[in-house]
């Protein structure tokens, strides 16, 4: 028996003057009202109501119980209102985990704008090469969709964007600009891989030629399990690399990094999702930041699309 629910139903029966009226007020069946009152009386070991086919009235015990009950339910209601008011305030500590590249390109740039609207929120950004394994340690996780996620994780799509080939100006000046995918055989690559995994063949597709695909396996010069490290190595001229399109426009790096082999893109795109430990008791700050972050990413992606089209 839900004691609190039974107490509230009992009060409503008295206030509404009957079982049927209370059922209509609470949008439940009269049978449920009757059962809840019976269970309450049985748990108390006392009759609270005199009931006949014509009228209903409180017993002496019921009158005393209702008087104390009203004060209890009032206190509970005020406590619930206080909790709701607190949880509705956009304030508090928010812990987020993602990869370095996402943190630098997307997460960090939007935090300041979010805090201008909600200065009471403190955002803790954590980076990991395998954030999907740490979902339940954080309020919000930004991970790749293809990572192994828990079956009970709450998932929200954030971004779906292809990887493009790019290289630093210094590297291209020294080694030349590849004109066709086959040219990659004479170039070095900066590769990203999961610890313990072997580097995979790169599959490229050409959306302008009906999705024509080609597989290439160029040599690599630098390999890292951290995407920001791979980005910095490519920027320094260590080799060509595959980066999401937004990495070329979402942060300032002047003309040091440029795309090559357009319109070829990687067959495996960047699909980001936001994951939450649970939908229940989701703080307002988490919900507000997630919505703000998704809008920020969409704006960045739109700018990138416009830049690629010019």
Foldseek 3Di string as FASTA:
>chain_A
DPQVVLLVLVLLCVVQFHLCSSCVVVVHDSVVSVVSQVVNCVVVVHHQWDDDPPGIDGDPVNVVVNVVSVVVVVVVVVVVVVVVVVLQQQADEFEEEEAPVCCVQFVVVLPVVVCVVVVRYHYHYHYDLQCQVVQVVGQKYKYFPPHDHDPQKDKAWFDWFFWFKKAFPVQCVVQNADQAPVVLQSWAEEEADAPPDDDDWWKKFAVVVVGDIDTHDHHYQHYYSGPVVSVVCRLVNRTMYIDTLLVVPRDDDDRGMDTGPPPITTPDTGIIIMIGPDPPPNGPNSVVVVVSSSVRSVVSVVVSVVVVVD
